[in-house]
PDB file of all heavy atoms in Angstrom:
ATOM      1  N   ALA A   1       2.850  11.065  11.063  1.00  0.00           N
ATOM      2  CA  ALA A   1       2.810  12.512  11.160  1.00  0.00           C
ATOM      3  C   ALA A   1       3.241  12.931  12.555  1.00  0.00           C
ATOM      4  O   ALA A   1       3.122  12.156  13.515  1.00  0.00           O
ATOM      5  CB  ALA A   1       1.410  13.037  10.856  1.00  0.00           C
ATOM      6  N   PRO A   2       3.738  14.160  12.724  1.00  0.00           N
ATOM      7  CA  PRO A   2       4.145  14.627  14.053  1.00  0.00           C
ATOM      8  C   PRO A   2       3.014  14.519  15.061  1.00  0.00           C
ATOM      9  O   PRO A   2       1.880  14.916  14.788  1.00  0.00           O
ATOM     10  CB  PRO A   2       4.542  16.079  13.808  1.00  0.00           C
ATOM     11  CG  PRO A   2       4.935  16.127  12.371  1.00  0.00           C
ATOM     12  CD  PRO A   2       4.014  15.158  11.684  1.00  0.00           C
ATOM     13  N   GLY A   3       3.320  13.967  16.215  1.00  0.00           N
ATOM     14  CA  GLY A   3       2.334  13.825  17.267  1.00  0.00           C
ATOM     15  C   GLY A   3       1.369  12.680  17.103  1.00  0.00           C
ATOM     16  O   GLY A   3       0.460  12.536  17.923  1.00  0.00           O
ATOM     17  N   LYS A   4       1.544  11.873  16.085  1.00  0.00           N
ATOM     18  CA  LYS A   4       0.651  10.749  15.839  1.00  0.00           C
ATOM     19  C   LYS A   4       1.442   9.456  15.784  1.00  0.00           C
ATOM     20  O   LYS A   4       2.639   9.441  15.505  1.00  0.00           O
ATOM     21  CB  LYS A   4      -0.123  10.941  14.538  1.00  0.00           C
ATOM     22  CG  LYS A   4      -1.018  12.164  14.510  1.00  0.00           C
ATOM     23  CD  LYS A   4      -1.798  12.247  13.220  1.00  0.00           C
ATOM     24  CE  LYS A   4      -2.790  11.104  13.094  1.00  0.00           C
ATOM     25  NZ  LYS A   4      -3.618  11.234  11.852  1.00  0.00           N
ATOM     26  N   GLU A   5       0.758   8.360  16.056  1.00  0.00           N
ATOM     27  CA  GLU A   5       1.387   7.051  15.965  1.00  0.00           C
ATOM     28  C   GLU A   5       1.576   6.647  14.514  1.00  0.00           C
ATOM     29  O   GLU A   5       0.865   7.109  13.617  1.00  0.00           O
ATOM     30  CB  GLU A   5       0.537   5.998  16.686  1.00  0.00           C
ATOM     31  CG  GLU A   5       0.440   6.184  18.192  1.00  0.00           C
ATOM     32  CD  GLU A   5      -0.341   5.070  18.855  1.00  0.00           C
ATOM     33  OE1 GLU A   5      -1.005   4.291  18.148  1.00  0.00           O
ATOM     34  OE2 GLU A   5      -0.269   4.968  20.087  1.00  0.00           O
ATOM     35  N   ARG A   6       2.550   5.775  14.304  1.00  0.00           N
ATOM     36  CA  ARG A   6       2.750   5.218  12.985  1.00  0.00           C
ATOM     37  C   ARG A   6       1.516   4.443  12.557  1.00  0.00           C
ATOM     38  O   ARG A   6       0.930   3.689  13.347  1.00  0.00           O
ATOM     39  CB  ARG A   6       3.976   4.306  12.977  1.00  0.00           C
ATOM     40  CG  ARG A   6       4.346   3.760  11.619  1.00  0.00           C
ATOM     41  CD  ARG A   6       5.567   2.867  11.733  1.00  0.00           C
ATOM     42  NE  ARG A   6       5.324   1.737  12.602  1.00  0.00           N
ATOM     43  CZ  ARG A   6       6.272   0.997  13.164  1.00  0.00           C
ATOM     44  NH1 ARG A   6       7.549   1.301  12.952  1.00  0.00           N
ATOM     45  NH2 ARG A   6       5.947  -0.024  13.937  1.00  0.00           N
ATOM     46  N   GLU A   7       1.111   4.616  11.319  1.00  0.00           N
ATOM     47  CA  GLU A   7      -0.114   4.050  10.798  1.00  0.00           C
ATOM     48  C   GLU A   7       0.180   3.271   9.522  1.00  0.00           C
ATOM     49  O   GLU A   7       0.836   3.785   8.618  1.00  0.00           O
ATOM     50  CB  GLU A   7      -1.123   5.169  10.499  1.00  0.00           C
ATOM     51  CG  GLU A   7      -2.381   4.719   9.794  1.00  0.00           C
ATOM     52  CD  GLU A   7      -3.220   5.874   9.292  1.00  0.00           C
ATOM     53  OE1 GLU A   7      -2.639   6.924   8.937  1.00  0.00           O
ATOM     54  OE2 GLU A   7      -4.459   5.745   9.264  1.00  0.00           O
ATOM     55  N   GLN A   8      -0.312   2.056   9.445  1.00  0.00           N
ATOM     56  CA  GLN A   8      -0.198   1.309   8.197  1.00  0.00           C
ATOM     57  C   GLN A   8      -1.198   1.854   7.189  1.00  0.00           C
ATOM     58  O   GLN A   8      -2.373   2.048   7.498  1.00  0.00           O
ATOM     59  CB  GLN A   8      -0.433  -0.186   8.407  1.00  0.00           C
ATOM     60  CG  GLN A   8      -0.114  -0.990   7.151  1.00  0.00           C
ATOM     61  CD  GLN A   8      -0.529  -2.443   7.225  1.00  0.00           C
ATOM     62  OE1 GLN A   8      -0.710  -3.011   8.300  1.00  0.00           O
ATOM     63  NE2 GLN A   8      -0.682  -3.064   6.062  1.00  0.00           N
ATOM     64  N   VAL A   9      -0.728   2.085   5.979  1.00  0.00           N
ATOM     65  CA  VAL A   9      -1.551   2.642   4.920  1.00  0.00           C
ATOM     66  C   VAL A   9      -2.046   1.554   3.979  1.00  0.00           C
ATOM     67  O   VAL A   9      -3.223   1.537   3.591  1.00  0.00           O
ATOM     68  CB  VAL A   9      -0.767   3.704   4.131  1.00  0.00           C
ATOM     69  CG1 VAL A   9      -1.598   4.246   2.975  1.00  0.00           C
ATOM     70  CG2 VAL A   9      -0.336   4.834   5.056  1.00  0.00           C
ATOM     71  N   SER A  10      -1.160   0.654   3.582  1.00  0.00           N
ATOM     72  CA  SER A  10      -1.501  -0.359   2.596  1.00  0.00           C
ATOM     73  C   SER A  10      -0.485  -1.477   2.656  1.00  0.00           C
ATOM     74  O   SER A  10       0.589  -1.329   3.242  1.00  0.00           O
ATOM     75  CB  SER A  10      -1.524   0.263   1.192  1.00  0.00           C
ATOM     76  OG  SER A  10      -1.913  -0.678   0.212  1.00  0.00           O
ATOM     77  N   CYS A  11      -0.810  -2.607   2.055  1.00  0.00           N
ATOM     78  CA  CYS A  11       0.160  -3.676   1.872  1.00  0.00           C
ATOM     79  C   CYS A  11      -0.217  -4.505   0.668  1.00  0.00           C
ATOM     80  O   CYS A  11      -1.364  -4.480   0.199  1.00  0.00           O
ATOM     81  CB  CYS A  11       0.308  -4.565   3.123  1.00  0.00           C
ATOM     82  SG  CYS A  11      -1.111  -5.595   3.542  1.00  0.00           S
ATOM     83  N   LEU A  12       0.773  -5.249   0.181  1.00  0.00           N
ATOM     84  CA  LEU A  12       0.609  -6.105  -0.989  1.00  0.00           C
ATOM     85  C   LEU A  12       1.424  -7.370  -0.793  1.00  0.00           C
ATOM     86  O   LEU A  12       2.619  -7.303  -0.504  1.00  0.00           O
ATOM     87  CB  LEU A  12       1.061  -5.375  -2.255  1.00  0.00           C
ATOM     88  CG  LEU A  12       1.117  -6.191  -3.548  1.00  0.00           C
ATOM     89  CD1 LEU A  12      -0.280  -6.617  -3.972  1.00  0.00           C
ATOM     90  CD2 LEU A  12       1.791  -5.392  -4.653  1.00  0.00           C
ATOM     91  N   GLY A  13       0.789  -8.514  -0.956  1.00  0.00           N
ATOM     92  CA  GLY A  13       1.480  -9.791  -0.973  1.00  0.00           C
ATOM     93  C   GLY A  13       1.863 -10.138  -2.395  1.00  0.00           C
ATOM     94  O   GLY A  13       0.997 -10.280  -3.259  1.00  0.00           O
ATOM     95  N   ILE A  14       3.173 -10.279  -2.634  1.00  0.00           N
ATOM     96  CA  ILE A  14       3.654 -10.478  -3.998  1.00  0.00           C
ATOM     97  C   ILE A  14       3.174 -11.808  -4.564  1.00  0.00           C
ATOM     98  O   ILE A  14       2.781 -11.896  -5.734  1.00  0.00           O
ATOM     99  CB  ILE A  14       5.187 -10.381  -4.052  1.00  0.00           C
ATOM    100  CG1 ILE A  14       5.643  -8.994  -3.587  1.00  0.00           C
ATOM    101  CG2 ILE A  14       5.707 -10.673  -5.451  1.00  0.00           C
ATOM    102  CD1 ILE A  14       5.106  -7.850  -4.418  1.00  0.00           C
ATOM    103  N   SER A  15       3.202 -12.853  -3.764  1.00  0.00           N
ATOM    104  CA  SER A  15       2.824 -14.177  -4.242  1.00  0.00           C
ATOM    105  C   SER A  15       1.316 -14.386  -4.252  1.00  0.00           C
ATOM    106  O   SER A  15       0.753 -14.821  -5.265  1.00  0.00           O
ATOM    107  CB  SER A  15       3.495 -15.260  -3.396  1.00  0.00           C
ATOM    108  OG  SER A  15       3.134 -16.549  -3.845  1.00  0.00           O
ATOM    109  N   ASP A  16       0.662 -14.098  -3.144  1.00  0.00           N
ATOM    110  CA  ASP A  16      -0.767 -14.378  -3.055  1.00  0.00           C
ATOM    111  C   ASP A  16      -1.638 -13.238  -3.555  1.00  0.00           C
ATOM    112  O   ASP A  16      -2.868 -13.382  -3.610  1.00  0.00           O
ATOM    113  CB  ASP A  16      -1.166 -14.764  -1.624  1.00  0.00           C
ATOM    114  CG  ASP A  16      -0.986 -13.638  -0.619  1.00  0.00           C
ATOM    115  OD1 ASP A  16      -0.610 -12.522  -1.003  1.00  0.00           O
ATOM    116  OD2 ASP A  16      -1.237 -13.889   0.581  1.00  0.00           O
ATOM    117  N   ARG A  17      -1.037 -12.109  -3.898  1.00  0.00           N
ATOM    118  CA  ARG A  17      -1.724 -10.935  -4.437  1.00  0.00           C
ATOM    119  C   ARG A  17      -2.722 -10.328  -3.460  1.00  0.00           C
ATOM    120  O   ARG A  17      -3.642  -9.612  -3.882  1.00  0.00           O
ATOM    121  CB  ARG A  17      -2.425 -11.267  -5.749  1.00  0.00           C
ATOM    122  CG  ARG A  17      -1.549 -11.995  -6.764  1.00  0.00           C
ATOM    123  CD  ARG A  17      -0.260 -11.246  -7.043  1.00  0.00           C
ATOM    124  NE  ARG A  17      -0.494  -9.914  -7.590  1.00  0.00           N
ATOM    125  CZ  ARG A  17       0.435  -8.980  -7.726  1.00  0.00           C
ATOM    126  NH1 ARG A  17       1.673  -9.224  -7.356  1.00  0.00           N
ATOM    127  NH2 ARG A  17       0.118  -7.798  -8.249  1.00  0.00           N
ATOM    128  N   SER A  18      -2.553 -10.578  -2.196  1.00  0.00           N
ATOM    129  CA  SER A  18      -3.425  -9.960  -1.210  1.00  0.00           C
ATOM    130  C   SER A  18      -3.144  -8.463  -1.142  1.00  0.00           C
ATOM    131  O   SER A  18      -2.003  -8.018  -1.299  1.00  0.00           O
ATOM    132  CB  SER A  18      -3.244 -10.603   0.163  1.00  0.00           C
ATOM    133  OG  SER A  18      -1.911 -10.460   0.630  1.00  0.00           O
ATOM    134  N   VAL A  19      -4.191  -7.695  -0.892  1.00  0.00           N
ATOM    135  CA  VAL A  19      -4.115  -6.239  -0.840  1.00  0.00           C
ATOM    136  C   VAL A  19      -4.935  -5.754   0.346  1.00  0.00           C
ATOM    137  O   VAL A  19      -6.002  -6.309   0.648  1.00  0.00           O
ATOM    138  CB  VAL A  19      -4.632  -5.601  -2.145  1.00  0.00           C
ATOM    139  CG1 VAL A  19      -4.694  -4.085  -2.023  1.00  0.00           C
ATOM    140  CG2 VAL A  19      -3.763  -5.997  -3.321  1.00  0.00           C
ATOM    141  N   TRP A  20      -4.441  -4.720   1.001  1.00  0.00           N
ATOM    142  CA  TRP A  20      -5.169  -4.111   2.103  1.00  0.00           C
ATOM    143  C   TRP A  20      -4.921  -2.611   2.107  1.00  0.00           C
ATOM    144  O   TRP A  20      -3.819  -2.148   1.822  1.00  0.00           O
ATOM    145  CB  TRP A  20      -4.726  -4.720   3.443  1.00  0.00           C
ATOM    146  CG  TRP A  20      -5.411  -4.117   4.629  1.00  0.00           C
ATOM    147  CD1 TRP A  20      -6.586  -4.502   5.193  1.00  0.00           C
ATOM    148  CD2 TRP A  20      -4.951  -2.995   5.403  1.00  0.00           C
ATOM    149  NE1 TRP A  20      -6.891  -3.703   6.267  1.00  0.00           N
ATOM    150  CE2 TRP A  20      -5.905  -2.773   6.417  1.00  0.00           C
ATOM    151  CE3 TRP A  20      -3.835  -2.167   5.331  1.00  0.00           C
ATOM    152  CZ2 TRP A  20      -5.776  -1.748   7.352  1.00  0.00           C
ATOM    153  CZ3 TRP A  20      -3.701  -1.147   6.255  1.00  0.00           C
ATOM    154  CH2 TRP A  20      -4.656  -0.952   7.251  1.00  0.00           C
ATOM    155  N   TYR A  21      -5.983  -1.845   2.448  1.00  0.00           N
ATOM    156  CA  TYR A  21      -5.888  -0.399   2.609  1.00  0.00           C
ATOM    157  C   TYR A  21      -6.556   0.011   3.906  1.00  0.00           C
ATOM    158  O   TYR A  21      -7.590  -0.550   4.293  1.00  0.00           O
ATOM    159  CB  TYR A  21      -6.586   0.348   1.472  1.00  0.00           C
ATOM    160  CG  TYR A  21      -6.057   0.061   0.094  1.00  0.00           C
ATOM    161  CD1 TYR A  21      -6.653  -0.893  -0.713  1.00  0.00           C
ATOM    162  CD2 TYR A  21      -4.972   0.766  -0.398  1.00  0.00           C
ATOM    163  CE1 TYR A  21      -6.174  -1.146  -1.990  1.00  0.00           C
ATOM    164  CE2 TYR A  21      -4.485   0.521  -1.673  1.00  0.00           C
ATOM    165  CZ  TYR A  21      -5.092  -0.440  -2.457  1.00  0.00           C
ATOM    166  OH  TYR A  21      -4.611  -0.678  -3.724  1.00  0.00           O
ATOM    167  N   THR A  22      -6.001   1.006   4.552  1.00  0.00           N
ATOM    168  CA  THR A  22      -6.686   1.592   5.688  1.00  0.00           C
ATOM    169  C   THR A  22      -7.880   2.406   5.187  1.00  0.00           C
ATOM    170  O   THR A  22      -7.888   2.900   4.060  1.00  0.00           O
ATOM    171  CB  THR A  22      -5.729   2.457   6.519  1.00  0.00           C
ATOM    172  OG1 THR A  22      -6.333   2.781   7.772  1.00  0.00           O
ATOM    173  CG2 THR A  22      -5.352   3.729   5.789  1.00  0.00           C
ATOM    174  N   ASP A  23      -8.897   2.522   6.025  1.00  0.00           N
ATOM    175  CA  ASP A  23     -10.156   3.121   5.581  1.00  0.00           C
ATOM    176  C   ASP A  23      -9.979   4.544   5.043  1.00  0.00           C
ATOM    177  O   ASP A  23     -10.674   4.949   4.101  1.00  0.00           O
ATOM    178  CB  ASP A  23     -11.162   3.139   6.726  1.00  0.00           C
ATOM    179  CG  ASP A  23     -11.699   1.764   7.077  1.00  0.00           C
ATOM    180  OD1 ASP A  23     -11.517   0.830   6.268  1.00  0.00           O
ATOM    181  OD2 ASP A  23     -12.313   1.625   8.149  1.00  0.00           O
ATOM    182  N   SER A  24      -9.082   5.298   5.622  1.00  0.00           N
ATOM    183  CA  SER A  24      -8.950   6.700   5.261  1.00  0.00           C
ATOM    184  C   SER A  24      -8.392   6.923   3.858  1.00  0.00           C
ATOM    185  O   SER A  24      -8.522   8.024   3.319  1.00  0.00           O
ATOM    186  CB  SER A  24      -8.082   7.433   6.282  1.00  0.00           C
ATOM    187  OG  SER A  24      -6.765   6.920   6.294  1.00  0.00           O
ATOM    188  N   VAL A  25      -7.776   5.906   3.263  1.00  0.00           N
ATOM    189  CA  VAL A  25      -7.201   6.069   1.933  1.00  0.00           C
ATOM    190  C   VAL A  25      -7.867   5.194   0.885  1.00  0.00           C
ATOM    191  O   VAL A  25      -7.611   5.387  -0.311  1.00  0.00           O
ATOM    192  CB  VAL A  25      -5.680   5.798   1.928  1.00  0.00           C
ATOM    193  CG1 VAL A  25      -4.985   6.593   3.020  1.00  0.00           C
ATOM    194  CG2 VAL A  25      -5.381   4.307   2.068  1.00  0.00           C
ATOM    195  N   GLU A  26      -8.691   4.262   1.276  1.00  0.00           N
ATOM    196  CA  GLU A  26      -9.319   3.365   0.317  1.00  0.00           C
ATOM    197  C   GLU A  26     -10.154   4.168  -0.673  1.00  0.00           C
ATOM    198  O   GLU A  26     -10.937   5.034  -0.298  1.00  0.00           O
ATOM    199  CB  GLU A  26     -10.171   2.322   1.026  1.00  0.00           C
ATOM    200  CG  GLU A  26     -10.651   1.222   0.103  1.00  0.00           C
ATOM    201  CD  GLU A  26     -11.096  -0.016   0.844  1.00  0.00           C
ATOM    202  OE1 GLU A  26     -11.237   0.041   2.083  1.00  0.00           O
ATOM    203  OE2 GLU A  26     -11.293  -1.057   0.196  1.00  0.00           O
ATOM    204  N   GLY A  27      -9.984   3.862  -1.945  1.00  0.00           N
ATOM    205  CA  GLY A  27     -10.637   4.607  -3.005  1.00  0.00           C
ATOM    206  C   GLY A  27      -9.810   5.741  -3.550  1.00  0.00           C
ATOM    207  O   GLY A  27     -10.103   6.237  -4.645  1.00  0.00           O
ATOM    208  N   ARG A  28      -8.790   6.168  -2.815  1.00  0.00           N
ATOM    209  CA  ARG A  28      -7.898   7.239  -3.266  1.00  0.00           C
ATOM    210  C   ARG A  28      -6.503   6.730  -3.587  1.00  0.00           C
ATOM    211  O   ARG A  28      -5.855   7.244  -4.498  1.00  0.00           O
ATOM    212  CB  ARG A  28      -7.792   8.338  -2.211  1.00  0.00           C
ATOM    213  CG  ARG A  28      -9.115   9.018  -1.883  1.00  0.00           C
ATOM    214  CD  ARG A  28      -8.898  10.242  -0.992  1.00  0.00           C
ATOM    215  NE  ARG A  28      -8.343   9.880   0.315  1.00  0.00           N
ATOM    216  CZ  ARG A  28      -7.187  10.331   0.790  1.00  0.00           C
ATOM    217  NH1 ARG A  28      -6.448  11.169   0.066  1.00  0.00           N
ATOM    218  NH2 ARG A  28      -6.772   9.966   1.996  1.00  0.00           N
ATOM    219  N   PHE A  29      -6.022   5.747  -2.832  1.00  0.00           N
ATOM    220  CA  PHE A  29      -4.676   5.205  -3.013  1.00  0.00           C
ATOM    221  C   PHE A  29      -4.769   3.832  -3.669  1.00  0.00           C
ATOM    222  O   PHE A  29      -5.713   3.067  -3.418  1.00  0.00           O
ATOM    223  CB  PHE A  29      -3.953   5.055  -1.673  1.00  0.00           C
ATOM    224  CG  PHE A  29      -3.591   6.347  -0.988  1.00  0.00           C
ATOM    225  CD1 PHE A  29      -4.065   7.568  -1.427  1.00  0.00           C
ATOM    226  CD2 PHE A  29      -2.756   6.324   0.123  1.00  0.00           C
ATOM    227  CE1 PHE A  29      -3.731   8.756  -0.787  1.00  0.00           C
ATOM    228  CE2 PHE A  29      -2.414   7.491   0.779  1.00  0.00           C
ATOM    229  CZ  PHE A  29      -2.896   8.705   0.323  1.00  0.00           C
ATOM    230  N   THR A  30      -3.769   3.500  -4.479  1.00  0.00           N
ATOM    231  CA  THR A  30      -3.697   2.204  -5.124  1.00  0.00           C
ATOM    232  C   THR A  30      -2.283   1.665  -5.019  1.00  0.00           C
ATOM    233  O   THR A  30      -1.327   2.344  -5.400  1.00  0.00           O
ATOM    234  CB  THR A  30      -4.103   2.283  -6.604  1.00  0.00           C
ATOM    235  OG1 THR A  30      -5.424   2.821  -6.721  1.00  0.00           O
ATOM    236  CG2 THR A  30      -4.079   0.898  -7.238  1.00  0.00           C
ATOM    237  N   ILE A  31      -2.140   0.443  -4.517  1.00  0.00           N
ATOM    238  CA  ILE A  31      -0.843  -0.201  -4.435  1.00  0.00           C
ATOM    239  C   ILE A  31      -0.700  -1.168  -5.606  1.00  0.00           C
ATOM    240  O   ILE A  31      -1.660  -1.844  -5.992  1.00  0.00           O
ATOM    241  CB  ILE A  31      -0.659  -0.918  -3.077  1.00  0.00           C
ATOM    242  CG1 ILE A  31       0.794  -1.352  -2.881  1.00  0.00           C
ATOM    243  CG2 ILE A  31      -1.608  -2.093  -2.921  1.00  0.00           C
ATOM    244  CD1 ILE A  31       1.110  -1.803  -1.458  1.00  0.00           C
ATOM    245  N   SER A  32       0.485  -1.220  -6.193  1.00  0.00           N
ATOM    246  CA  SER A  32       0.752  -2.094  -7.325  1.00  0.00           C
ATOM    247  C   SER A  32       2.216  -2.494  -7.311  1.00  0.00           C
ATOM    248  O   SER A  32       3.012  -1.954  -6.542  1.00  0.00           O
ATOM    249  CB  SER A  32       0.389  -1.416  -8.644  1.00  0.00           C
ATOM    250  OG  SER A  32       1.172  -0.259  -8.853  1.00  0.00           O
ATOM    251  N   SER A  33       2.578  -3.445  -8.168  1.00  0.00           N
ATOM    252  CA  SER A  33       3.942  -3.953  -8.173  1.00  0.00           C
ATOM    253  C   SER A  33       4.435  -4.205  -9.586  1.00  0.00           C
ATOM    254  O   SER A  33       3.653  -4.428 -10.511  1.00  0.00           O
ATOM    255  CB  SER A  33       4.047  -5.248  -7.355  1.00  0.00           C
ATOM    256  OG  SER A  33       3.321  -6.298  -7.966  1.00  0.00           O
ATOM    257  N   ASP A  34       5.745  -4.157  -9.725  1.00  0.00           N
ATOM    258  CA  ASP A  34       6.452  -4.561 -10.932  1.00  0.00           C
ATOM    259  C   ASP A  34       7.395  -5.667 -10.495  1.00  0.00           C
ATOM    260  O   ASP A  34       8.452  -5.396  -9.924  1.00  0.00           O
ATOM    261  CB  ASP A  34       7.202  -3.388 -11.540  1.00  0.00           C
ATOM    262  CG  ASP A  34       7.888  -3.732 -12.845  1.00  0.00           C
ATOM    263  OD1 ASP A  34       8.257  -4.907 -13.048  1.00  0.00           O
ATOM    264  OD2 ASP A  34       8.075  -2.827 -13.672  1.00  0.00           O
ATOM    265  N   SER A  35       7.026  -6.904 -10.749  1.00  0.00           N
ATOM    266  CA  SER A  35       7.794  -8.028 -10.228  1.00  0.00           C
ATOM    267  C   SER A  35       9.201  -8.082 -10.805  1.00  0.00           C
ATOM    268  O   SER A  35      10.147  -8.471 -10.112  1.00  0.00           O
ATOM    269  CB  SER A  35       7.059  -9.343 -10.502  1.00  0.00           C
ATOM    270  OG  SER A  35       6.841  -9.532 -11.886  1.00  0.00           O
ATOM    271  N   ALA A  36       9.361  -7.708 -12.067  1.00  0.00           N
ATOM    272  CA  ALA A  36      10.676  -7.741 -12.685  1.00  0.00           C
ATOM    273  C   ALA A  36      11.637  -6.773 -12.010  1.00  0.00           C
ATOM    274  O   ALA A  36      12.832  -7.053 -11.892  1.00  0.00           O
ATOM    275  CB  ALA A  36      10.573  -7.437 -14.175  1.00  0.00           C
ATOM    276  N   LYS A  37      11.135  -5.628 -11.579  1.00  0.00           N
ATOM    277  CA  LYS A  37      11.963  -4.614 -10.935  1.00  0.00           C
ATOM    278  C   LYS A  37      12.005  -4.749  -9.421  1.00  0.00           C
ATOM    279  O   LYS A  37      12.714  -3.980  -8.768  1.00  0.00           O
ATOM    280  CB  LYS A  37      11.468  -3.220 -11.305  1.00  0.00           C
ATOM    281  CG  LYS A  37      11.580  -2.891 -12.781  1.00  0.00           C
ATOM    282  CD  LYS A  37      11.085  -1.475 -13.056  1.00  0.00           C
ATOM    283  CE  LYS A  37      11.224  -1.117 -14.516  1.00  0.00           C
ATOM    284  NZ  LYS A  37      10.737   0.257 -14.787  1.00  0.00           N
ATOM    285  N   LYS A  38      11.263  -5.682  -8.863  1.00  0.00           N
ATOM    286  CA  LYS A  38      11.158  -5.831  -7.407  1.00  0.00           C
ATOM    287  C   LYS A  38      10.763  -4.502  -6.769  1.00  0.00           C
ATOM    288  O   LYS A  38      11.337  -4.073  -5.762  1.00  0.00           O
ATOM    289  CB  LYS A  38      12.472  -6.342  -6.816  1.00  0.00           C
ATOM    290  CG  LYS A  38      12.979  -7.652  -7.409  1.00  0.00           C
ATOM    291  CD  LYS A  38      12.126  -8.824  -6.997  1.00  0.00           C
ATOM    292  CE  LYS A  38      12.747 -10.135  -7.456  1.00  0.00           C
ATOM    293  NZ  LYS A  38      11.915 -11.306  -7.075  1.00  0.00           N
ATOM    294  N   THR A  39       9.787  -3.861  -7.351  1.00  0.00           N
ATOM    295  CA  THR A  39       9.371  -2.531  -6.934  1.00  0.00           C
ATOM    296  C   THR A  39       7.867  -2.499  -6.704  1.00  0.00           C
ATOM    297  O   THR A  39       7.104  -3.082  -7.480  1.00  0.00           O
ATOM    298  CB  THR A  39       9.757  -1.481  -7.988  1.00  0.00           C
ATOM    299  OG1 THR A  39      11.177  -1.495  -8.176  1.00  0.00           O
ATOM    300  CG2 THR A  39       9.330  -0.090  -7.560  1.00  0.00           C
ATOM    301  N   VAL A  40       7.470  -1.831  -5.643  1.00  0.00           N
ATOM    302  CA  VAL A  40       6.070  -1.618  -5.325  1.00  0.00           C
ATOM    303  C   VAL A  40       5.790  -0.128  -5.343  1.00  0.00           C
ATOM    304  O   VAL A  40       6.607   0.680  -4.891  1.00  0.00           O
ATOM    305  CB  VAL A  40       5.703  -2.249  -3.966  1.00  0.00           C
ATOM    306  CG1 VAL A  40       4.299  -1.845  -3.540  1.00  0.00           C
ATOM    307  CG2 VAL A  40       5.804  -3.764  -4.044  1.00  0.00           C
ATOM    308  N   TYR A  41       4.624   0.238  -5.856  1.00  0.00           N
ATOM    309  CA  TYR A  41       4.235   1.626  -6.007  1.00  0.00           C
ATOM    310  C   TYR A  41       2.997   1.912  -5.169  1.00  0.00           C
ATOM    311  O   TYR A  41       2.162   1.041  -4.930  1.00  0.00           O
ATOM    312  CB  TYR A  41       3.928   1.951  -7.465  1.00  0.00           C
ATOM    313  CG  TYR A  41       5.042   1.588  -8.411  1.00  0.00           C
ATOM    314  CD1 TYR A  41       5.053   0.372  -9.069  1.00  0.00           C
ATOM    315  CD2 TYR A  41       6.095   2.473  -8.640  1.00  0.00           C
ATOM    316  CE1 TYR A  41       6.077   0.035  -9.936  1.00  0.00           C
ATOM    317  CE2 TYR A  41       7.121   2.146  -9.499  1.00  0.00           C
ATOM    318  CZ  TYR A  41       7.107   0.926 -10.146  1.00  0.00           C
ATOM    319  OH  TYR A  41       8.135   0.601 -11.002  1.00  0.00           O
ATOM    320  N   LEU A  42       2.886   3.144  -4.740  1.00  0.00           N
ATOM    321  CA  LEU A  42       1.683   3.622  -4.085  1.00  0.00           C
ATOM    322  C   LEU A  42       1.230   4.879  -4.816  1.00  0.00           C
ATOM    323  O   LEU A  42       1.833   5.946  -4.664  1.00  0.00           O
ATOM    324  CB  LEU A  42       1.924   3.917  -2.602  1.00  0.00           C
ATOM    325  CG  LEU A  42       0.689   4.315  -1.802  1.00  0.00           C
ATOM    326  CD1 LEU A  42      -0.275   3.127  -1.681  1.00  0.00           C
ATOM    327  CD2 LEU A  42       1.065   4.830  -0.418  1.00  0.00           C
ATOM    328  N   GLN A  43       0.194   4.735  -5.623  1.00  0.00           N
ATOM    329  CA  GLN A  43      -0.392   5.870  -6.316  1.00  0.00           C
ATOM    330  C   GLN A  43      -1.385   6.550  -5.388  1.00  0.00           C
ATOM    331  O   GLN A  43      -2.326   5.907  -4.918  1.00  0.00           O
ATOM    332  CB  GLN A  43      -1.070   5.426  -7.605  1.00  0.00           C
ATOM    333  CG  GLN A  43      -1.702   6.567  -8.392  1.00  0.00           C
ATOM    334  CD  GLN A  43      -2.395   6.097  -9.652  1.00  0.00           C
ATOM    335  OE1 GLN A  43      -2.026   5.082 -10.228  1.00  0.00           O
ATOM    336  NE2 GLN A  43      -3.394   6.836 -10.078  1.00  0.00           N
ATOM    337  N   MET A  44      -1.180   7.819  -5.147  1.00  0.00           N
ATOM    338  CA  MET A  44      -1.994   8.575  -4.202  1.00  0.00           C
ATOM    339  C   MET A  44      -2.713   9.682  -4.959  1.00  0.00           C
ATOM    340  O   MET A  44      -2.077  10.595  -5.489  1.00  0.00           O
ATOM    341  CB  MET A  44      -1.122   9.157  -3.088  1.00  0.00           C
ATOM    342  CG  MET A  44      -0.286   8.114  -2.357  1.00  0.00           C
ATOM    343  SD  MET A  44       0.660   8.814  -0.975  1.00  0.00           S
ATOM    344  CE  MET A  44       1.777   9.904  -1.877  1.00  0.00           C
TER     345      MET A  44
END
């Protein structure tokens, strides 16, 4: 956001299925993947 540092929101490891969320979005955002499409989604 303007005037703020870049912030990591979430991540997903395709192979190990590891997932991480920053505290401010946990419970509201969900990261998921479609391996066939090589696509990752962030539902907010």
